[in-house]
Amino acid sequence: DPTWRVRDKIFAMQKGNYDGGRPSLWLKIADGAREPLIDADPERYFVPPYVGTKGWIGIYLDRGRIPWKLVSSLVDGSYRLIAPKRLVAQLDEA
């Protein structure tokens, strides 16, 4: 499965073989932000195995219209949580 990394640390994973082959994206998420998403749409968002205990969220990509702006924001947030502070600062300067 594809992974996206910053300095050899994974900040996003695409899973095609999870939960019966359902395509999904797994991301690190800020403390307190995961539960409201899951509560609002438990058919779209879930706590992934293995990394869920470390503050990750899963997003099923096979459930109707995908909220791409939200997904983009979550990917950006995941990168910022995993990347070294210096790289995050460079993003903010650009």
PDB file of N, CA and C in Angstrom:
ATOM      1  N   ASP A   1       0.839  -1.193   0.000  1.00  0.00           N
ATOM      2  CA  ASP A   1       0.000   0.000   0.000  1.00  0.00           C
ATOM      3  C   ASP A   1       0.880   1.252   0.000  1.00  0.00           C
ATOM      4  N   PRO A   2       0.482   2.279  -0.731  1.00  0.00           N
ATOM      5  CA  PRO A   2       1.272   3.509  -0.781  1.00  0.00           C
ATOM      6  C   PRO A   2       1.312   4.224   0.569  1.00  0.00           C
ATOM      7  N   THR A   3       2.447   4.836   0.848  1.00  0.00           N
ATOM      8  CA  THR A   3       2.603   5.679   2.028  1.00  0.00           C
ATOM      9  C   THR A   3       3.239   6.997   1.610  1.00  0.00           C
ATOM     10  N   TRP A   4       2.946   8.038   2.359  1.00  0.00           N
ATOM     11  CA  TRP A   4       3.571   9.328   2.144  1.00  0.00           C
ATOM     12  C   TRP A   4       4.342   9.656   3.394  1.00  0.00           C
ATOM     13  N   ARG A   5       5.577  10.126   3.196  1.00  0.00           N
ATOM     14  CA  ARG A   5       6.503  10.321   4.316  1.00  0.00           C
ATOM     15  C   ARG A   5       7.147  11.698   4.271  1.00  0.00           C
ATOM     16  N   VAL A   6       7.556  12.101   5.450  1.00  0.00           N
ATOM     17  CA  VAL A   6       8.412  13.265   5.589  1.00  0.00           C
ATOM     18  C   VAL A   6       9.543  12.833   6.508  1.00  0.00           C
ATOM     19  N   ARG A   7      10.760  12.912   6.006  1.00  0.00           N
ATOM     20  CA  ARG A   7      11.940  12.480   6.758  1.00  0.00           C
ATOM     21  C   ARG A   7      11.773  11.055   7.298  1.00  0.00           C
ATOM     22  N   ASP A   8      11.334  10.170   6.446  1.00  0.00           N
ATOM     23  CA  ASP A   8      11.150   8.742   6.763  1.00  0.00           C
ATOM     24  C   ASP A   8      10.061   8.458   7.790  1.00  0.00           C
ATOM     25  N   LYS A   9       9.240   9.428   8.117  1.00  0.00           N
ATOM     26  CA  LYS A   9       8.107   9.209   9.015  1.00  0.00           C
ATOM     27  C   LYS A   9       6.817   9.295   8.204  1.00  0.00           C
ATOM     28  N   ILE A  10       5.969   8.305   8.365  1.00  0.00           N
ATOM     29  CA  ILE A  10       4.719   8.246   7.606  1.00  0.00           C
ATOM     30  C   ILE A  10       3.722   9.258   8.161  1.00  0.00           C
ATOM     31  N   PHE A  11       3.125  10.052   7.251  1.00  0.00           N
ATOM     32  CA  PHE A  11       2.048  10.950   7.660  1.00  0.00           C
ATOM     33  C   PHE A  11       0.731  10.612   6.971  1.00  0.00           C
ATOM     34  N   ALA A  12       0.758   9.725   5.975  1.00  0.00           N
ATOM     35  CA  ALA A  12      -0.468   9.283   5.305  1.00  0.00           C
ATOM     36  C   ALA A  12      -0.238   7.903   4.701  1.00  0.00           C
ATOM     37  N   MET A  13      -1.287   7.079   4.762  1.00  0.00           N
ATOM     38  CA  MET A  13      -1.234   5.729   4.188  1.00  0.00           C
ATOM     39  C   MET A  13      -2.529   5.482   3.435  1.00  0.00           C
ATOM     40  N   GLN A  14      -2.410   4.942   2.241  1.00  0.00           N
ATOM     41  CA  GLN A  14      -3.593   4.490   1.524  1.00  0.00           C
ATOM     42  C   GLN A  14      -3.702   2.991   1.731  1.00  0.00           C
ATOM     43  N   LYS A  15      -4.858   2.537   2.138  1.00  0.00           N
ATOM     44  CA  LYS A  15      -5.091   1.117   2.372  1.00  0.00           C
ATOM     45  C   LYS A  15      -6.176   0.640   1.415  1.00  0.00           C
ATOM     46  N   GLY A  16      -5.869  -0.375   0.645  1.00  0.00           N
ATOM     47  CA  GLY A  16      -6.855  -0.933  -0.266  1.00  0.00           C
ATOM     48  C   GLY A  16      -7.360  -2.282   0.178  1.00  0.00           C
ATOM     49  N   ASN A  17      -6.757  -2.815   1.224  1.00  0.00           N
ATOM     50  CA  ASN A  17      -7.110  -4.164   1.656  1.00  0.00           C
ATOM     51  C   ASN A  17      -7.706  -4.187   3.046  1.00  0.00           C
ATOM     52  N   TYR A  18      -8.110  -3.063   3.569  1.00  0.00           N
ATOM     53  CA  TYR A  18      -8.660  -3.014   4.920  1.00  0.00           C
ATOM     54  C   TYR A  18     -10.172  -3.206   4.878  1.00  0.00           C
ATOM     55  N   ASP A  19     -10.703  -3.878   5.857  1.00  0.00           N
ATOM     56  CA  ASP A  19     -12.146  -4.035   6.031  1.00  0.00           C
ATOM     57  C   ASP A  19     -12.814  -4.570   4.769  1.00  0.00           C
ATOM     58  N   GLY A  20     -12.342  -5.716   4.332  1.00  0.00           N
ATOM     59  CA  GLY A  20     -12.955  -6.357   3.172  1.00  0.00           C
ATOM     60  C   GLY A  20     -12.562  -5.742   1.844  1.00  0.00           C
ATOM     61  N   GLY A  21     -11.450  -5.072   1.809  1.00  0.00           N
ATOM     62  CA  GLY A  21     -10.972  -4.491   0.555  1.00  0.00           C
ATOM     63  C   GLY A  21     -11.456  -3.075   0.298  1.00  0.00           C
ATOM     64  N   ARG A  22     -12.046  -2.435   1.298  1.00  0.00           N
ATOM     65  CA  ARG A  22     -12.523  -1.056   1.112  1.00  0.00           C
ATOM     66  C   ARG A  22     -11.333  -0.093   1.046  1.00  0.00           C
ATOM     67  N   PRO A  23     -11.263   0.737   0.023  1.00  0.00           N
ATOM     68  CA  PRO A  23     -10.167   1.708  -0.052  1.00  0.00           C
ATOM     69  C   PRO A  23     -10.322   2.769   1.036  1.00  0.00           C
ATOM     70  N   SER A  24      -9.203   3.083   1.664  1.00  0.00           N
ATOM     71  CA  SER A  24      -9.245   4.077   2.733  1.00  0.00           C
ATOM     72  C   SER A  24      -7.922   4.820   2.799  1.00  0.00           C
ATOM     73  N   LEU A  25      -7.966   5.947   3.487  1.00  0.00           N
ATOM     74  CA  LEU A  25      -6.787   6.777   3.726  1.00  0.00           C
ATOM     75  C   LEU A  25      -6.657   6.929   5.228  1.00  0.00           C
ATOM     76  N   TRP A  26      -5.455   6.700   5.754  1.00  0.00           N
ATOM     77  CA  TRP A  26      -5.195   6.808   7.187  1.00  0.00           C
ATOM     78  C   TRP A  26      -4.252   7.978   7.414  1.00  0.00           C
ATOM     79  N   LEU A  27      -4.593   8.825   8.390  1.00  0.00           N
ATOM     80  CA  LEU A  27      -3.839  10.046   8.664  1.00  0.00           C
ATOM     81  C   LEU A  27      -3.705  10.284  10.158  1.00  0.00           C
ATOM     82  N   LYS A  28      -2.626  10.933  10.555  1.00  0.00           N
ATOM     83  CA  LYS A  28      -2.473  11.431  11.922  1.00  0.00           C
ATOM     84  C   LYS A  28      -3.422  12.616  12.059  1.00  0.00           C
ATOM     85  N   ILE A  29      -4.040  12.748  13.229  1.00  0.00           N
ATOM     86  CA  ILE A  29      -4.991  13.852  13.424  1.00  0.00           C
ATOM     87  C   ILE A  29      -4.757  14.477  14.799  1.00  0.00           C
ATOM     88  N   ALA A  30      -5.048  15.754  14.899  1.00  0.00           N
ATOM     89  CA  ALA A  30      -4.836  16.491  16.151  1.00  0.00           C
ATOM     90  C   ALA A  30      -5.708  15.925  17.272  1.00  0.00           C
ATOM     91  N   ASP A  31      -5.188  16.004  18.477  1.00  0.00           N
ATOM     92  CA  ASP A  31      -5.943  15.561  19.656  1.00  0.00           C
ATOM     93  C   ASP A  31      -7.307  16.234  19.694  1.00  0.00           C
ATOM     94  N   GLY A  32      -8.333  15.447  19.933  1.00  0.00           N
ATOM     95  CA  GLY A  32      -9.680  15.975  20.062  1.00  0.00           C
ATOM     96  C   GLY A  32     -10.424  16.193  18.765  1.00  0.00           C
ATOM     97  N   ALA A  33      -9.751  16.051  17.625  1.00  0.00           N
ATOM     98  CA  ALA A  33     -10.406  16.301  16.333  1.00  0.00           C
ATOM     99  C   ALA A  33     -11.007  15.037  15.725  1.00  0.00           C
ATOM    100  N   ARG A  34     -10.556  13.887  16.150  1.00  0.00           N
ATOM    101  CA  ARG A  34     -10.999  12.632  15.537  1.00  0.00           C
ATOM    102  C   ARG A  34     -12.438  12.287  15.915  1.00  0.00           C
ATOM    103  N   GLU A  35     -12.764  12.342  17.186  1.00  0.00           N
ATOM    104  CA  GLU A  35     -14.073  11.884  17.648  1.00  0.00           C
ATOM    105  C   GLU A  35     -15.234  12.660  17.027  1.00  0.00           C
ATOM    106  N   PRO A  36     -15.158  13.989  16.895  1.00  0.00           N
ATOM    107  CA  PRO A  36     -16.271  14.691  16.251  1.00  0.00           C
ATOM    108  C   PRO A  36     -16.504  14.238  14.802  1.00  0.00           C
ATOM    109  N   LEU A  37     -15.438  13.941  14.073  1.00  0.00           N
ATOM    110  CA  LEU A  37     -15.606  13.459  12.699  1.00  0.00           C
ATOM    111  C   LEU A  37     -16.279  12.092  12.677  1.00  0.00           C
ATOM    112  N   ILE A  38     -15.801  11.199  13.530  1.00  0.00           N
ATOM    113  CA  ILE A  38     -16.383   9.861  13.582  1.00  0.00           C
ATOM    114  C   ILE A  38     -17.837   9.929  14.032  1.00  0.00           C
ATOM    115  N   ASP A  39     -18.129  10.746  15.032  1.00  0.00           N
ATOM    116  CA  ASP A  39     -19.504  10.888  15.515  1.00  0.00           C
ATOM    117  C   ASP A  39     -20.423  11.448  14.434  1.00  0.00           C
ATOM    118  N   ALA A  40     -19.910  12.383  13.630  1.00  0.00           N
ATOM    119  CA  ALA A  40     -20.716  13.017  12.589  1.00  0.00           C
ATOM    120  C   ALA A  40     -20.985  12.086  11.410  1.00  0.00           C
ATOM    121  N   ASP A  41     -20.037  11.187  11.100  1.00  0.00           N
ATOM    122  CA  ASP A  41     -20.203  10.303   9.945  1.00  0.00           C
ATOM    123  C   ASP A  41     -19.437   9.001  10.160  1.00  0.00           C
ATOM    124  N   PRO A  42     -19.968   8.118  11.008  1.00  0.00           N
ATOM    125  CA  PRO A  42     -19.256   6.873  11.323  1.00  0.00           C
ATOM    126  C   PRO A  42     -19.151   5.892  10.153  1.00  0.00           C
ATOM    127  N   GLU A  43     -19.902   6.140   9.095  1.00  0.00           N
ATOM    128  CA  GLU A  43     -19.770   5.292   7.912  1.00  0.00           C
ATOM    129  C   GLU A  43     -18.613   5.747   7.024  1.00  0.00           C
ATOM    130  N   ARG A  44     -18.110   6.943   7.251  1.00  0.00           N
ATOM    131  CA  ARG A  44     -16.996   7.489   6.473  1.00  0.00           C
ATOM    132  C   ARG A  44     -15.688   7.437   7.274  1.00  0.00           C
ATOM    133  N   TYR A  45     -15.729   7.794   8.557  1.00  0.00           N
ATOM    134  CA  TYR A  45     -14.526   7.919   9.379  1.00  0.00           C
ATOM    135  C   TYR A  45     -14.474   6.805  10.423  1.00  0.00           C
ATOM    136  N   PHE A  46     -13.266   6.357  10.753  1.00  0.00           N
ATOM    137  CA  PHE A  46     -13.105   5.265  11.713  1.00  0.00           C
ATOM    138  C   PHE A  46     -11.733   5.346  12.367  1.00  0.00           C
ATOM    139  N   VAL A  47     -11.594   4.613  13.467  1.00  0.00           N
ATOM    140  CA  VAL A  47     -10.304   4.484  14.146  1.00  0.00           C
ATOM    141  C   VAL A  47      -9.602   3.283  13.531  1.00  0.00           C
ATOM    142  N   PRO A  48      -8.482   3.494  12.832  1.00  0.00           N
ATOM    143  CA  PRO A  48      -7.797   2.374  12.190  1.00  0.00           C
ATOM    144  C   PRO A  48      -7.043   1.504  13.204  1.00  0.00           C
ATOM    145  N   PRO A  49      -6.899   0.225  12.877  1.00  0.00           N
ATOM    146  CA  PRO A  49      -6.130  -0.641  13.772  1.00  0.00           C
ATOM    147  C   PRO A  49      -4.654  -0.237  13.768  1.00  0.00           C
ATOM    148  N   TYR A  50      -3.956  -0.673  14.782  1.00  0.00           N
ATOM    149  CA  TYR A  50      -2.509  -0.470  14.931  1.00  0.00           C
ATOM    150  C   TYR A  50      -2.146   0.978  15.246  1.00  0.00           C
ATOM    151  N   VAL A  51      -2.502   1.915  14.379  1.00  0.00           N
ATOM    152  CA  VAL A  51      -2.101   3.311  14.572  1.00  0.00           C
ATOM    153  C   VAL A  51      -3.191   4.158  15.218  1.00  0.00           C
ATOM    154  N   GLY A  52      -4.390   3.622  15.315  1.00  0.00           N
ATOM    155  CA  GLY A  52      -5.499   4.365  15.909  1.00  0.00           C
ATOM    156  C   GLY A  52      -5.220   4.792  17.338  1.00  0.00           C
ATOM    157  N   THR A  53      -4.513   3.953  18.079  1.00  0.00           N
ATOM    158  CA  THR A  53      -4.184   4.297  19.462  1.00  0.00           C
ATOM    159  C   THR A  53      -3.158   5.420  19.552  1.00  0.00           C
ATOM    160  N   LYS A  54      -2.544   5.742  18.424  1.00  0.00           N
ATOM    161  CA  LYS A  54      -1.534   6.811  18.381  1.00  0.00           C
ATOM    162  C   LYS A  54      -2.082   8.085  17.758  1.00  0.00           C
ATOM    163  N   GLY A  55      -3.418   8.193  17.689  1.00  0.00           N
ATOM    164  CA  GLY A  55      -4.023   9.429  17.209  1.00  0.00           C
ATOM    165  C   GLY A  55      -4.222   9.508  15.709  1.00  0.00           C
ATOM    166  N   TRP A  56      -4.517   8.402  15.064  1.00  0.00           N
ATOM    167  CA  TRP A  56      -4.765   8.390  13.624  1.00  0.00           C
ATOM    168  C   TRP A  56      -6.249   8.207  13.364  1.00  0.00           C
ATOM    169  N   ILE A  57      -6.670   8.649  12.169  1.00  0.00           N
ATOM    170  CA  ILE A  57      -8.049   8.477  11.714  1.00  0.00           C
ATOM    171  C   ILE A  57      -8.031   7.799  10.347  1.00  0.00           C
ATOM    172  N   GLY A  58      -9.050   7.024  10.081  1.00  0.00           N
ATOM    173  CA  GLY A  58      -9.225   6.410   8.771  1.00  0.00           C
ATOM    174  C   GLY A  58     -10.408   7.045   8.066  1.00  0.00           C
ATOM    175  N   ILE A  59     -10.286   7.170   6.747  1.00  0.00           N
ATOM    176  CA  ILE A  59     -11.351   7.741   5.923  1.00  0.00           C
ATOM    177  C   ILE A  59     -11.655   6.745   4.813  1.00  0.00           C
ATOM    178  N   TYR A  60     -12.868   6.205   4.797  1.00  0.00           N
ATOM    179  CA  TYR A  60     -13.262   5.334   3.687  1.00  0.00           C
ATOM    180  C   TYR A  60     -13.449   6.188   2.436  1.00  0.00           C
ATOM    181  N   LEU A  61     -12.891   5.731   1.331  1.00  0.00           N
ATOM    182  CA  LEU A  61     -12.951   6.475   0.074  1.00  0.00           C
ATOM    183  C   LEU A  61     -13.992   5.917  -0.886  1.00  0.00           C
ATOM    184  N   ASP A  62     -14.787   4.968  -0.420  1.00  0.00           N
ATOM    185  CA  ASP A  62     -15.769   4.344  -1.305  1.00  0.00           C
ATOM    186  C   ASP A  62     -17.208   4.646  -0.893  1.00  0.00           C
ATOM    187  N   ARG A  63     -17.397   5.665  -0.128  1.00  0.00           N
ATOM    188  CA  ARG A  63     -18.723   5.982   0.389  1.00  0.00           C
ATOM    189  C   ARG A  63     -19.228   7.309  -0.175  1.00  0.00           C
ATOM    190  N   GLY A  64     -19.769   7.281  -1.368  1.00  0.00           N
ATOM    191  CA  GLY A  64     -20.364   8.483  -1.964  1.00  0.00           C
ATOM    192  C   GLY A  64     -19.362   9.578  -2.248  1.00  0.00           C
ATOM    193  N   ARG A  65     -19.871  10.774  -2.271  1.00  0.00           N
ATOM    194  CA  ARG A  65     -19.055  11.945  -2.592  1.00  0.00           C
ATOM    195  C   ARG A  65     -18.006  12.171  -1.507  1.00  0.00           C
ATOM    196  N   ILE A  66     -16.763  12.304  -1.916  1.00  0.00           N
ATOM    197  CA  ILE A  66     -15.653  12.491  -0.987  1.00  0.00           C
ATOM    198  C   ILE A  66     -15.488  13.990  -0.706  1.00  0.00           C
ATOM    199  N   PRO A  67     -15.437  14.385   0.560  1.00  0.00           N
ATOM    200  CA  PRO A  67     -15.248  15.797   0.905  1.00  0.00           C
ATOM    201  C   PRO A  67     -13.768  16.194   0.733  1.00  0.00           C
ATOM    202  N   TRP A  68     -13.374  16.457  -0.501  1.00  0.00           N
ATOM    203  CA  TRP A  68     -11.953  16.648  -0.809  1.00  0.00           C
ATOM    204  C   TRP A  68     -11.319  17.817  -0.081  1.00  0.00           C
ATOM    205  N   LYS A  69     -12.045  18.893   0.143  1.00  0.00           N
ATOM    206  CA  LYS A  69     -11.460  20.030   0.882  1.00  0.00           C
ATOM    207  C   LYS A  69     -11.106  19.607   2.304  1.00  0.00           C
ATOM    208  N   LEU A  70     -11.987  18.847   2.928  1.00  0.00           N
ATOM    209  CA  LEU A  70     -11.706  18.354   4.275  1.00  0.00           C
ATOM    210  C   LEU A  70     -10.550  17.369   4.252  1.00  0.00           C
ATOM    211  N   VAL A  71     -10.534  16.466   3.281  1.00  0.00           N
ATOM    212  CA  VAL A  71      -9.437  15.497   3.170  1.00  0.00           C
ATOM    213  C   VAL A  71      -8.116  16.236   2.978  1.00  0.00           C
ATOM    214  N   SER A  72      -8.112  17.248   2.124  1.00  0.00           N
ATOM    215  CA  SER A  72      -6.902  18.050   1.906  1.00  0.00           C
ATOM    216  C   SER A  72      -6.433  18.698   3.203  1.00  0.00           C
ATOM    217  N   SER A  73      -7.359  19.235   3.951  1.00  0.00           N
ATOM    218  CA  SER A  73      -7.019  19.860   5.230  1.00  0.00           C
ATOM    219  C   SER A  73      -6.472  18.831   6.223  1.00  0.00           C
ATOM    220  N   LEU A  74      -7.053  17.632   6.233  1.00  0.00           N
ATOM    221  CA  LEU A  74      -6.577  16.581   7.130  1.00  0.00           C
ATOM    222  C   LEU A  74      -5.184  16.096   6.732  1.00  0.00           C
ATOM    223  N   VAL A  75      -4.921  15.988   5.435  1.00  0.00           N
ATOM    224  CA  VAL A  75      -3.578  15.592   4.969  1.00  0.00           C
ATOM    225  C   VAL A  75      -2.564  16.659   5.385  1.00  0.00           C
ATOM    226  N   ASP A  76      -2.908  17.920   5.174  1.00  0.00           N
ATOM    227  CA  ASP A  76      -2.021  19.011   5.578  1.00  0.00           C
ATOM    228  C   ASP A  76      -1.757  18.966   7.082  1.00  0.00           C
ATOM    229  N   GLY A  77      -2.812  18.750   7.849  1.00  0.00           N
ATOM    230  CA  GLY A  77      -2.658  18.676   9.300  1.00  0.00           C
ATOM    231  C   GLY A  77      -1.792  17.503   9.728  1.00  0.00           C
ATOM    232  N   SER A  78      -1.965  16.363   9.069  1.00  0.00           N
ATOM    233  CA  SER A  78      -1.163  15.189   9.386  1.00  0.00           C
ATOM    234  C   SER A  78       0.315  15.458   9.109  1.00  0.00           C
ATOM    235  N   TYR A  79       0.589  16.069   7.957  1.00  0.00           N
ATOM    236  CA  TYR A  79       1.975  16.423   7.622  1.00  0.00           C
ATOM    237  C   TYR A  79       2.569  17.313   8.711  1.00  0.00           C
ATOM    238  N   ARG A  80       1.810  18.309   9.121  1.00  0.00           N
ATOM    239  CA  ARG A  80       2.301  19.258  10.123  1.00  0.00           C
ATOM    240  C   ARG A  80       2.537  18.603  11.482  1.00  0.00           C
ATOM    241  N   LEU A  81       1.755  17.586  11.798  1.00  0.00           N
ATOM    242  CA  LEU A  81       1.950  16.874  13.073  1.00  0.00           C
ATOM    243  C   LEU A  81       3.184  15.977  13.052  1.00  0.00           C
ATOM    244  N   ILE A  82       3.553  15.483  11.878  1.00  0.00           N
ATOM    245  CA  ILE A  82       4.653  14.528  11.753  1.00  0.00           C
ATOM    246  C   ILE A  82       5.974  15.214  11.383  1.00  0.00           C
ATOM    247  N   ALA A  83       5.908  16.252  10.566  1.00  0.00           N
ATOM    248  CA  ALA A  83       7.123  16.898  10.048  1.00  0.00           C
ATOM    249  C   ALA A  83       7.891  17.624  11.154  1.00  0.00           C
ATOM    250  N   PRO A  84       9.206  17.739  10.968  1.00  0.00           N
ATOM    251  CA  PRO A  84       9.998  18.557  11.895  1.00  0.00           C
ATOM    252  C   PRO A  84       9.509  20.008  11.889  1.00  0.00           C
ATOM    253  N   LYS A  85       9.625  20.667  13.020  1.00  0.00           N
ATOM    254  CA  LYS A  85       9.121  22.035  13.159  1.00  0.00           C
ATOM    255  C   LYS A  85       9.717  22.980  12.123  1.00  0.00           C
ATOM    256  N   ARG A  86      10.970  22.753  11.763  1.00  0.00           N
ATOM    257  CA  ARG A  86      11.627  23.623  10.778  1.00  0.00           C
ATOM    258  C   ARG A  86      10.929  23.552   9.422  1.00  0.00           C
ATOM    259  N   LEU A  87      10.529  22.355   9.007  1.00  0.00           N
ATOM    260  CA  LEU A  87       9.832  22.208   7.731  1.00  0.00           C
ATOM    261  C   LEU A  87       8.435  22.823   7.783  1.00  0.00           C
ATOM    262  N   VAL A  88       7.763  22.672   8.918  1.00  0.00           N
ATOM    263  CA  VAL A  88       6.453  23.297   9.082  1.00  0.00           C
ATOM    264  C   VAL A  88       6.577  24.814   9.018  1.00  0.00           C
ATOM    265  N   ALA A  89       7.612  25.349   9.643  1.00  0.00           N
ATOM    266  CA  ALA A  89       7.842  26.802   9.618  1.00  0.00           C
ATOM    267  C   ALA A  89       8.071  27.284   8.187  1.00  0.00           C
ATOM    268  N   GLN A  90       8.779  26.491   7.387  1.00  0.00           N
ATOM    269  CA  GLN A  90       9.008  26.869   5.983  1.00  0.00           C
ATOM    270  C   GLN A  90       7.690  26.890   5.209  1.00  0.00           C
ATOM    271  N   LEU A  91       6.779  25.999   5.507  1.00  0.00           N
ATOM    272  CA  LEU A  91       5.464  26.033   4.871  1.00  0.00           C
ATOM    273  C   LEU A  91       4.736  27.307   5.214  1.00  0.00           C
ATOM    274  N   ASP A  92       4.810  27.687   6.461  1.00  0.00           N
ATOM    275  CA  ASP A  92       4.098  28.882   6.912  1.00  0.00           C
ATOM    276  C   ASP A  92       4.693  30.160   6.340  1.00  0.00           C
ATOM    277  N   GLU A  93       5.974  30.138   6.003  1.00  0.00           N
ATOM    278  CA  GLU A  93       6.625  31.310   5.414  1.00  0.00           C
ATOM    279  C   GLU A  93       6.265  31.482   3.942  1.00  0.00           C
ATOM    280  N   ALA A  94       5.947  30.386   3.273  1.00  0.00           N
ATOM    281  CA  ALA A  94       5.686  30.421   1.812  1.00  0.00           C
ATOM    282  C   ALA A  94       4.370  31.076   1.494  1.00  0.00           C
TER     283      ALA A  94
END
